[in-house]
Amino acid sequence: MHLMTFMKIYNPGWFFRMMVLATQGVFYNGFFLAYLISPSAAHRFVGYLEEEAVVTYTQIVDEMDRGHIPEWAPGAREVPQIAKDYWRLSDSATMKDLILAVRADESNHRCTNHTLAALHPEDVNPFGFKHASPFMAGTTTGLSREESIAWAKKVEEEVRAGLRQEEKKEKEEKK
């Protein structure tokens, strides 16, 4: 979604688009092989990529606040509708709002990948039913194995409680 948003903003020519596709093709196949060899290392690698993305977007926000990116100043460029729809941004959203939303996404991806890298094969995926809140994901680079297991148990309890609530409601409706 990030790529589609920024492609919409800059509308690059065919050569750039082909280079993006070629790069994605090479990366996809290389990552597929790396994942077959070591899923943990692959997740850790992506976690580090996401960390760098968070740093980059933070620097962009700082530069925007200093006025060093005038083409992204409020009112200078409209946020694409695709981004407004995806991140539920208001119609008056600024480029800074967009960058903050993308940075929050990257922060969540960072947490998720570092967490998955720390799990053992027999562990339950703590994000199988529900992701950690943006606050939690935005304040840590990843959950430890113990935190992941605790998160998975908490989510499982919430899911089971919800199912029990639904069963109770269905029984009451039948009466």
N, C-alpha and C. Protein backbone atom coordinates (compact mmCIF):
# COMPACT_ATOMS: atom_id res chain seq x y z
N MET A 1 0.83 -1.19 0.00
CA MET A 1 0.00 0.00 0.00
C MET A 1 0.88 1.26 0.00
N HIS A 2 2.00 1.18 0.71
CA HIS A 2 2.91 2.33 0.74
C HIS A 2 3.42 2.63 -0.67
N LEU A 3 3.85 1.58 -1.36
CA LEU A 3 4.36 1.77 -2.72
C LEU A 3 3.28 2.34 -3.63
N MET A 4 2.07 1.78 -3.58
CA MET A 4 1.00 2.28 -4.44
C MET A 4 0.68 3.74 -4.15
N THR A 5 0.72 4.11 -2.86
CA THR A 5 0.44 5.50 -2.50
C THR A 5 1.48 6.44 -3.09
N PHE A 6 2.76 6.10 -2.91
CA PHE A 6 3.81 7.00 -3.40
C PHE A 6 3.92 6.97 -4.92
N MET A 7 3.55 5.85 -5.54
CA MET A 7 3.51 5.82 -7.00
C MET A 7 2.39 6.75 -7.50
N LYS A 8 1.29 6.80 -6.76
CA LYS A 8 0.17 7.68 -7.12
C LYS A 8 0.59 9.15 -6.99
N ILE A 9 1.39 9.44 -5.95
CA ILE A 9 1.82 10.83 -5.73
C ILE A 9 2.74 11.30 -6.85
N TYR A 10 3.71 10.46 -7.24
CA TYR A 10 4.72 10.91 -8.20
C TYR A 10 4.47 10.46 -9.63
N ASN A 11 3.60 9.46 -9.82
CA ASN A 11 3.26 8.99 -11.16
C ASN A 11 4.50 8.85 -12.05
N PRO A 12 5.42 7.94 -11.68
CA PRO A 12 6.66 7.79 -12.46
C PRO A 12 6.40 7.18 -13.83
N GLY A 13 7.40 7.32 -14.68
CA GLY A 13 7.30 6.80 -16.04
C GLY A 13 7.47 5.29 -16.09
N TRP A 14 7.37 4.77 -17.31
CA TRP A 14 7.42 3.33 -17.50
C TRP A 14 8.74 2.72 -17.07
N PHE A 15 9.87 3.41 -17.30
CA PHE A 15 11.19 2.85 -16.94
C PHE A 15 11.28 2.64 -15.44
N PHE A 16 10.87 3.62 -14.67
CA PHE A 16 10.92 3.50 -13.20
C PHE A 16 9.99 2.37 -12.74
N ARG A 17 8.82 2.31 -13.33
CA ARG A 17 7.87 1.25 -12.96
C ARG A 17 8.45 -0.14 -13.26
N MET A 18 9.10 -0.27 -14.40
CA MET A 18 9.72 -1.56 -14.74
C MET A 18 10.85 -1.89 -13.78
N MET A 19 11.61 -0.89 -13.37
CA MET A 19 12.70 -1.12 -12.41
C MET A 19 12.13 -1.57 -11.05
N VAL A 20 11.02 -0.98 -10.65
CA VAL A 20 10.37 -1.39 -9.40
C VAL A 20 9.92 -2.85 -9.50
N LEU A 21 9.29 -3.20 -10.61
CA LEU A 21 8.84 -4.58 -10.81
C LEU A 21 10.02 -5.55 -10.82
N ALA A 22 11.09 -5.20 -11.50
CA ALA A 22 12.27 -6.07 -11.55
C ALA A 22 12.87 -6.24 -10.16
N THR A 23 12.98 -5.16 -9.43
CA THR A 23 13.52 -5.22 -8.08
C THR A 23 12.65 -6.08 -7.18
N GLN A 24 11.34 -5.91 -7.29
CA GLN A 24 10.43 -6.73 -6.50
C GLN A 24 10.57 -8.20 -6.87
N GLY A 25 10.72 -8.50 -8.14
CA GLY A 25 10.88 -9.88 -8.58
C GLY A 25 12.14 -10.51 -8.01
N VAL A 26 13.25 -9.79 -8.05
CA VAL A 26 14.50 -10.31 -7.50
C VAL A 26 14.38 -10.48 -5.99
N PHE A 27 13.85 -9.45 -5.32
CA PHE A 27 13.73 -9.53 -3.86
C PHE A 27 12.80 -10.67 -3.46
N TYR A 28 11.67 -10.79 -4.13
CA TYR A 28 10.69 -11.82 -3.79
C TYR A 28 11.33 -13.21 -3.83
N ASN A 29 12.03 -13.49 -4.92
CA ASN A 29 12.64 -14.81 -5.06
C ASN A 29 13.77 -15.03 -4.06
N GLY A 30 14.58 -14.02 -3.84
CA GLY A 30 15.65 -14.14 -2.85
C GLY A 30 15.09 -14.32 -1.44
N PHE A 31 14.05 -13.58 -1.14
CA PHE A 31 13.44 -13.69 0.19
C PHE A 31 12.77 -15.04 0.37
N PHE A 32 12.14 -15.54 -0.69
CA PHE A 32 11.52 -16.87 -0.64
C PHE A 32 12.55 -17.93 -0.28
N LEU A 33 13.68 -17.88 -0.93
CA LEU A 33 14.75 -18.85 -0.64
C LEU A 33 15.28 -18.66 0.79
N ALA A 34 15.47 -17.41 1.19
CA ALA A 34 15.95 -17.15 2.56
C ALA A 34 14.95 -17.66 3.59
N TYR A 35 13.67 -17.51 3.30
CA TYR A 35 12.64 -17.97 4.23
C TYR A 35 12.63 -19.49 4.34
N LEU A 36 12.88 -20.16 3.23
CA LEU A 36 12.96 -21.63 3.26
C LEU A 36 14.13 -22.08 4.13
N ILE A 37 15.22 -21.36 4.09
CA ILE A 37 16.41 -21.71 4.85
C ILE A 37 16.23 -21.38 6.33
N SER A 38 15.76 -20.16 6.62
CA SER A 38 15.61 -19.75 8.01
C SER A 38 14.51 -18.69 8.15
N PRO A 39 13.29 -19.12 8.48
CA PRO A 39 12.20 -18.16 8.65
C PRO A 39 12.52 -17.11 9.71
N SER A 40 13.18 -17.52 10.78
CA SER A 40 13.51 -16.58 11.85
C SER A 40 14.44 -15.47 11.34
N ALA A 41 15.47 -15.86 10.60
CA ALA A 41 16.40 -14.86 10.06
C ALA A 41 15.69 -13.94 9.05
N ALA A 42 14.79 -14.52 8.27
CA ALA A 42 14.04 -13.71 7.29
C ALA A 42 13.18 -12.67 8.00
N HIS A 43 12.48 -13.10 9.06
CA HIS A 43 11.67 -12.14 9.82
C HIS A 43 12.55 -11.09 10.49
N ARG A 44 13.69 -11.49 11.03
CA ARG A 44 14.59 -10.54 11.68
C ARG A 44 15.07 -9.51 10.66
N PHE A 45 15.43 -9.96 9.45
CA PHE A 45 15.88 -9.07 8.39
C PHE A 45 14.80 -8.03 8.05
N VAL A 46 13.58 -8.51 7.87
CA VAL A 46 12.48 -7.58 7.56
C VAL A 46 12.25 -6.63 8.73
N GLY A 47 12.38 -7.13 9.96
CA GLY A 47 12.25 -6.26 11.13
C GLY A 47 13.25 -5.12 11.09
N TYR A 48 14.49 -5.44 10.70
CA TYR A 48 15.51 -4.39 10.60
C TYR A 48 15.21 -3.42 9.46
N LEU A 49 14.69 -3.94 8.34
CA LEU A 49 14.29 -3.05 7.24
C LEU A 49 13.20 -2.08 7.72
N GLU A 50 12.25 -2.62 8.47
CA GLU A 50 11.15 -1.79 8.98
C GLU A 50 11.67 -0.76 9.98
N GLU A 51 12.65 -1.15 10.80
CA GLU A 51 13.25 -0.18 11.73
C GLU A 51 13.85 0.99 10.96
N GLU A 52 14.55 0.69 9.88
CA GLU A 52 15.15 1.75 9.07
C GLU A 52 14.07 2.61 8.42
N ALA A 53 12.97 2.00 8.03
CA ALA A 53 11.87 2.77 7.46
C ALA A 53 11.30 3.73 8.50
N VAL A 54 11.15 3.27 9.75
CA VAL A 54 10.65 4.15 10.81
C VAL A 54 11.59 5.33 11.00
N VAL A 55 12.90 5.06 11.00
CA VAL A 55 13.89 6.13 11.15
C VAL A 55 13.77 7.11 9.99
N THR A 56 13.65 6.58 8.78
CA THR A 56 13.55 7.43 7.58
C THR A 56 12.30 8.31 7.64
N TYR A 57 11.15 7.74 7.97
CA TYR A 57 9.92 8.53 8.03
C TYR A 57 9.97 9.55 9.16
N THR A 58 10.65 9.21 10.25
CA THR A 58 10.82 10.18 11.34
C THR A 58 11.66 11.36 10.86
N GLN A 59 12.71 11.07 10.11
CA GLN A 59 13.55 12.14 9.55
C GLN A 59 12.75 12.99 8.56
N ILE A 60 11.91 12.37 7.77
CA ILE A 60 11.07 13.12 6.83
C ILE A 60 10.14 14.06 7.59
N VAL A 61 9.52 13.57 8.66
CA VAL A 61 8.63 14.42 9.46
C VAL A 61 9.41 15.60 10.03
N ASP A 62 10.62 15.33 10.54
CA ASP A 62 11.45 16.42 11.07
C ASP A 62 11.77 17.45 10.00
N GLU A 63 12.11 16.97 8.80
CA GLU A 63 12.41 17.89 7.69
C GLU A 63 11.16 18.68 7.27
N MET A 64 10.01 18.04 7.31
CA MET A 64 8.77 18.74 6.98
C MET A 64 8.49 19.82 8.01
N ASP A 65 8.71 19.49 9.30
CA ASP A 65 8.48 20.47 10.36
C ASP A 65 9.42 21.66 10.23
N ARG A 66 10.61 21.45 9.71
CA ARG A 66 11.58 22.54 9.52
C ARG A 66 11.30 23.33 8.24
N GLY A 67 10.37 22.83 7.42
CA GLY A 67 10.05 23.52 6.17
C GLY A 67 11.01 23.22 5.05
N HIS A 68 11.76 22.13 5.15
CA HIS A 68 12.75 21.77 4.14
C HIS A 68 12.17 20.98 2.98
N ILE A 69 10.88 20.63 3.06
CA ILE A 69 10.23 19.91 1.96
C ILE A 69 8.98 20.71 1.56
N PRO A 70 9.20 21.84 0.86
CA PRO A 70 8.07 22.73 0.55
C PRO A 70 7.00 22.07 -0.33
N GLU A 71 7.40 21.10 -1.17
CA GLU A 71 6.40 20.45 -2.02
C GLU A 71 5.44 19.58 -1.23
N TRP A 72 5.74 19.33 0.05
CA TRP A 72 4.85 18.56 0.92
C TRP A 72 4.25 19.43 2.02
N ALA A 73 4.39 20.72 1.90
CA ALA A 73 3.81 21.63 2.89
C ALA A 73 2.28 21.54 2.80
N PRO A 74 1.59 21.85 3.90
CA PRO A 74 0.12 21.79 3.87
C PRO A 74 -0.44 22.60 2.69
N GLY A 75 -1.28 21.96 1.90
CA GLY A 75 -1.90 22.62 0.76
C GLY A 75 -1.10 22.55 -0.52
N ALA A 76 0.17 22.15 -0.46
CA ALA A 76 1.00 22.10 -1.66
C ALA A 76 0.71 20.88 -2.52
N ARG A 77 0.37 19.79 -1.88
CA ARG A 77 0.10 18.55 -2.61
C ARG A 77 -1.03 17.82 -1.89
N GLU A 78 -1.94 17.28 -2.67
CA GLU A 78 -3.07 16.55 -2.08
C GLU A 78 -2.69 15.10 -1.83
N VAL A 79 -3.18 14.58 -0.73
CA VAL A 79 -2.98 13.16 -0.40
C VAL A 79 -3.88 12.35 -1.33
N PRO A 80 -3.35 11.31 -1.97
CA PRO A 80 -4.17 10.51 -2.89
C PRO A 80 -5.36 9.86 -2.17
N GLN A 81 -6.44 9.72 -2.90
CA GLN A 81 -7.65 9.12 -2.33
C GLN A 81 -7.40 7.70 -1.84
N ILE A 82 -6.56 6.97 -2.55
CA ILE A 82 -6.26 5.59 -2.16
C ILE A 82 -5.68 5.55 -0.74
N ALA A 83 -4.86 6.54 -0.40
CA ALA A 83 -4.27 6.61 0.95
C ALA A 83 -5.32 7.03 1.97
N LYS A 84 -6.17 7.98 1.59
CA LYS A 84 -7.22 8.42 2.51
C LYS A 84 -8.15 7.26 2.85
N ASP A 85 -8.46 6.46 1.84
CA ASP A 85 -9.35 5.32 2.06
C ASP A 85 -8.67 4.26 2.93
N TYR A 86 -7.44 3.94 2.61
CA TYR A 86 -6.75 2.85 3.31
C TYR A 86 -6.48 3.20 4.77
N TRP A 87 -5.96 4.39 5.02
CA TRP A 87 -5.61 4.78 6.40
C TRP A 87 -6.72 5.56 7.08
N ARG A 88 -7.86 5.67 6.42
CA ARG A 88 -9.01 6.40 6.97
C ARG A 88 -8.64 7.82 7.35
N LEU A 89 -7.92 8.48 6.44
CA LEU A 89 -7.53 9.87 6.67
C LEU A 89 -8.68 10.79 6.26
N SER A 90 -8.73 11.93 6.88
CA SER A 90 -9.80 12.88 6.56
C SER A 90 -9.57 13.47 5.17
N ASP A 91 -10.61 14.09 4.63
CA ASP A 91 -10.47 14.73 3.32
C ASP A 91 -9.47 15.88 3.35
N SER A 92 -9.24 16.44 4.53
CA SER A 92 -8.30 17.55 4.65
C SER A 92 -6.91 17.09 5.10
N ALA A 93 -6.63 15.79 4.99
CA ALA A 93 -5.34 15.25 5.43
C ALA A 93 -4.18 15.89 4.66
N THR A 94 -3.10 16.10 5.37
CA THR A 94 -1.90 16.67 4.76
C THR A 94 -0.89 15.56 4.49
N MET A 95 0.16 15.89 3.78
CA MET A 95 1.22 14.93 3.53
C MET A 95 1.85 14.47 4.84
N LYS A 96 1.92 15.37 5.81
CA LYS A 96 2.47 14.97 7.11
C LYS A 96 1.57 13.91 7.75
N ASP A 97 0.27 14.06 7.66
CA ASP A 97 -0.65 13.05 8.18
C ASP A 97 -0.40 11.70 7.51
N LEU A 98 -0.18 11.74 6.20
CA LEU A 98 0.10 10.52 5.45
C LEU A 98 1.39 9.88 5.93
N ILE A 99 2.45 10.67 6.04
CA ILE A 99 3.75 10.14 6.47
C ILE A 99 3.64 9.55 7.88
N LEU A 100 2.90 10.20 8.75
CA LEU A 100 2.72 9.67 10.11
C LEU A 100 1.97 8.33 10.09
N ALA A 101 0.99 8.21 9.20
CA ALA A 101 0.25 6.95 9.09
C ALA A 101 1.14 5.84 8.54
N VAL A 102 1.94 6.16 7.54
CA VAL A 102 2.85 5.17 6.97
C VAL A 102 3.89 4.76 8.01
N ARG A 103 4.41 5.74 8.75
CA ARG A 103 5.40 5.43 9.80
C ARG A 103 4.80 4.52 10.86
N ALA A 104 3.56 4.76 11.24
CA ALA A 104 2.89 3.90 12.22
C ALA A 104 2.76 2.47 11.68
N ASP A 105 2.44 2.35 10.39
CA ASP A 105 2.37 1.03 9.75
C ASP A 105 3.72 0.32 9.83
N GLU A 106 4.78 1.05 9.46
CA GLU A 106 6.12 0.47 9.48
C GLU A 106 6.50 0.04 10.90
N SER A 107 6.10 0.84 11.87
CA SER A 107 6.39 0.51 13.27
C SER A 107 5.70 -0.79 13.67
N ASN A 108 4.47 -0.95 13.23
CA ASN A 108 3.73 -2.18 13.52
C ASN A 108 4.38 -3.38 12.82
N HIS A 109 4.81 -3.20 11.57
CA HIS A 109 5.48 -4.28 10.84
C HIS A 109 6.79 -4.66 11.54
N ARG A 110 7.50 -3.65 12.02
CA ARG A 110 8.76 -3.90 12.73
C ARG A 110 8.51 -4.79 13.95
N CYS A 111 7.52 -4.42 14.75
CA CYS A 111 7.19 -5.18 15.95
C CYS A 111 6.78 -6.60 15.58
N THR A 112 5.93 -6.73 14.59
CA THR A 112 5.45 -8.05 14.19
C THR A 112 6.59 -8.94 13.73
N ASN A 113 7.47 -8.43 12.88
CA ASN A 113 8.55 -9.27 12.35
C ASN A 113 9.58 -9.63 13.41
N HIS A 114 9.93 -8.70 14.28
CA HIS A 114 10.88 -9.05 15.34
C HIS A 114 10.24 -10.06 16.30
N THR A 115 8.95 -9.92 16.53
CA THR A 115 8.26 -10.88 17.40
C THR A 115 8.27 -12.26 16.77
N LEU A 116 7.91 -12.36 15.49
CA LEU A 116 7.89 -13.65 14.81
C LEU A 116 9.28 -14.27 14.74
N ALA A 117 10.31 -13.43 14.63
CA ALA A 117 11.68 -13.95 14.60
C ALA A 117 12.07 -14.60 15.92
N ALA A 118 11.46 -14.16 17.01
CA ALA A 118 11.81 -14.67 18.33
C ALA A 118 11.06 -15.95 18.70
N LEU A 119 10.06 -16.33 17.93
CA LEU A 119 9.25 -17.50 18.27
C LEU A 119 9.94 -18.80 17.88
N HIS A 120 9.62 -19.85 18.60
CA HIS A 120 10.06 -21.20 18.24
C HIS A 120 8.99 -21.83 17.37
N PRO A 121 9.35 -22.85 16.59
CA PRO A 121 8.37 -23.46 15.68
C PRO A 121 7.10 -23.96 16.38
N GLU A 122 7.20 -24.39 17.62
CA GLU A 122 6.02 -24.92 18.31
C GLU A 122 5.16 -23.82 18.95
N ASP A 123 5.63 -22.59 18.95
CA ASP A 123 4.88 -21.49 19.56
C ASP A 123 3.68 -21.10 18.70
N VAL A 124 2.67 -20.56 19.35
CA VAL A 124 1.49 -20.05 18.66
C VAL A 124 1.79 -18.64 18.16
N ASN A 125 1.34 -18.35 16.96
CA ASN A 125 1.51 -17.00 16.42
C ASN A 125 0.67 -16.04 17.25
N PRO A 126 1.30 -15.10 17.97
CA PRO A 126 0.51 -14.21 18.83
C PRO A 126 -0.36 -13.23 18.05
N PHE A 127 -0.11 -13.09 16.75
CA PHE A 127 -0.89 -12.17 15.93
C PHE A 127 -1.91 -12.91 15.07
N GLY A 128 -2.15 -14.18 15.37
CA GLY A 128 -3.05 -14.99 14.56
C GLY A 128 -4.47 -14.46 14.51
N PHE A 129 -4.93 -13.86 15.59
CA PHE A 129 -6.30 -13.35 15.64
C PHE A 129 -6.37 -11.84 15.78
N LYS A 130 -5.35 -11.26 16.37
CA LYS A 130 -5.43 -9.83 16.69
C LYS A 130 -4.02 -9.26 16.81
N HIS A 131 -3.79 -8.11 16.20
CA HIS A 131 -2.49 -7.45 16.32
C HIS A 131 -2.42 -6.66 17.62
N ALA A 132 -1.19 -6.47 18.07
CA ALA A 132 -0.98 -5.61 19.23
C ALA A 132 -1.46 -4.21 18.88
N SER A 133 -1.85 -3.45 19.89
CA SER A 133 -2.33 -2.09 19.64
C SER A 133 -1.22 -1.26 19.02
N PRO A 134 -1.56 -0.20 18.28
CA PRO A 134 -0.53 0.67 17.71
C PRO A 134 0.38 1.26 18.79
N PHE A 135 -0.19 1.52 19.97
CA PHE A 135 0.64 2.06 21.05
C PHE A 135 1.71 1.04 21.45
N MET A 136 1.30 -0.19 21.63
CA MET A 136 2.24 -1.24 22.02
C MET A 136 3.28 -1.47 20.92
N ALA A 137 2.82 -1.59 19.70
CA ALA A 137 3.73 -1.85 18.59
C ALA A 137 4.63 -0.66 18.31
N GLY A 138 4.17 0.52 18.59
CA GLY A 138 4.96 1.72 18.31
C GLY A 138 5.99 2.05 19.36
N THR A 139 5.95 1.37 20.50
CA THR A 139 6.89 1.70 21.57
C THR A 139 7.95 0.63 21.78
N THR A 140 7.91 -0.43 21.00
CA THR A 140 8.89 -1.50 21.16
C THR A 140 9.30 -2.01 19.79
N THR A 141 10.50 -2.57 19.70
CA THR A 141 10.94 -3.12 18.42
C THR A 141 10.46 -4.54 18.23
N GLY A 142 9.91 -5.13 19.26
CA GLY A 142 9.39 -6.48 19.14
C GLY A 142 9.05 -7.03 20.50
N LEU A 143 8.21 -8.03 20.51
CA LEU A 143 7.85 -8.67 21.77
C LEU A 143 8.82 -9.81 22.02
N SER A 144 9.25 -9.97 23.26
CA SER A 144 10.09 -11.12 23.59
C SER A 144 9.26 -12.38 23.43
N ARG A 145 9.92 -13.52 23.47
CA ARG A 145 9.19 -14.78 23.34
C ARG A 145 8.14 -14.89 24.44
N GLU A 146 8.50 -14.52 25.66
CA GLU A 146 7.57 -14.59 26.79
C GLU A 146 6.39 -13.64 26.58
N GLU A 147 6.68 -12.42 26.12
CA GLU A 147 5.60 -11.46 25.86
C GLU A 147 4.70 -11.96 24.73
N SER A 148 5.28 -12.60 23.72
CA SER A 148 4.49 -13.14 22.61
C SER A 148 3.54 -14.22 23.09
N ILE A 149 4.05 -15.11 23.94
CA ILE A 149 3.21 -16.18 24.46
C ILE A 149 2.10 -15.59 25.33
N ALA A 150 2.45 -14.60 26.16
CA ALA A 150 1.43 -13.95 27.00
C ALA A 150 0.38 -13.27 26.13
N TRP A 151 0.81 -12.59 25.06
CA TRP A 151 -0.12 -11.91 24.14
C TRP A 151 -1.05 -12.93 23.49
N ALA A 152 -0.48 -14.05 23.02
CA ALA A 152 -1.29 -15.08 22.38
C ALA A 152 -2.33 -15.64 23.34
N LYS A 153 -1.93 -15.87 24.59
CA LYS A 153 -2.89 -16.38 25.59
C LYS A 153 -3.99 -15.36 25.85
N LYS A 154 -3.61 -14.08 25.94
CA LYS A 154 -4.61 -13.03 26.18
C LYS A 154 -5.62 -12.97 25.04
N VAL A 155 -5.13 -13.02 23.83
CA VAL A 155 -6.02 -12.96 22.66
C VAL A 155 -6.91 -14.20 22.62
N GLU A 156 -6.33 -15.36 22.93
CA GLU A 156 -7.13 -16.59 22.95
C GLU A 156 -8.25 -16.47 23.97
N GLU A 157 -7.95 -15.92 25.15
CA GLU A 157 -8.98 -15.73 26.18
C GLU A 157 -10.07 -14.79 25.68
N GLU A 158 -9.68 -13.71 24.99
CA GLU A 158 -10.66 -12.77 24.46
C GLU A 158 -11.55 -13.44 23.41
N VAL A 159 -10.92 -14.25 22.54
CA VAL A 159 -11.69 -14.93 21.50
C VAL A 159 -12.67 -15.92 22.14
N ARG A 160 -12.18 -16.70 23.10
CA ARG A 160 -13.05 -17.68 23.77
C ARG A 160 -14.18 -16.98 24.52
N ALA A 161 -13.87 -15.85 25.17
CA ALA A 161 -14.91 -15.09 25.88
C ALA A 161 -15.96 -14.59 24.89
N GLY A 162 -15.50 -14.13 23.73
CA GLY A 162 -16.43 -13.67 22.70
C GLY A 162 -17.30 -14.79 22.18
N LEU A 163 -16.71 -15.98 22.00
CA LEU A 163 -17.48 -17.13 21.54
C LEU A 163 -18.52 -17.54 22.58
N ARG A 164 -18.11 -17.51 23.85
CA ARG A 164 -19.07 -17.85 24.91
C ARG A 164 -20.21 -16.84 24.93
N GLN A 165 -19.89 -15.58 24.71
CA GLN A 165 -20.90 -14.53 24.68
C GLN A 165 -21.87 -14.77 23.53
N GLU A 166 -21.33 -15.16 22.38
CA GLU A 166 -22.18 -15.44 21.22
C GLU A 166 -23.09 -16.64 21.48
N GLU A 167 -22.53 -17.69 22.08
CA GLU A 167 -23.33 -18.88 22.40
C GLU A 167 -24.46 -18.52 23.36
N LYS A 168 -24.14 -17.70 24.34
CA LYS A 168 -25.14 -17.26 25.33
C LYS A 168 -26.26 -16.48 24.62
N LYS A 169 -25.86 -15.59 23.71
CA LYS A 169 -26.84 -14.78 22.99
C LYS A 169 -27.74 -15.66 22.12
N GLU A 170 -27.13 -16.67 21.45
CA GLU A 170 -27.91 -17.57 20.61
C GLU A 170 -28.91 -18.37 21.43
N LYS A 171 -28.51 -18.83 22.62
CA LYS A 171 -29.41 -19.57 23.50
C LYS A 171 -30.58 -18.70 23.93
N GLU A 172 -30.30 -17.43 24.24
CA GLU A 172 -31.36 -16.51 24.68
C GLU A 172 -32.32 -16.23 23.53
N GLU A 173 -31.78 -16.15 22.30
CA GLU A 173 -32.63 -15.89 21.13
C GLU A 173 -33.56 -17.06 20.83
N LYS A 174 -33.09 -18.28 21.12
CA LYS A 174 -33.89 -19.49 20.88
C LYS A 174 -35.05 -19.60 21.86
N LYS A 175 -34.91 -18.99 23.00
CA LYS A 175 -35.98 -19.07 24.03
C LYS A 175 -37.15 -18.27 23.65
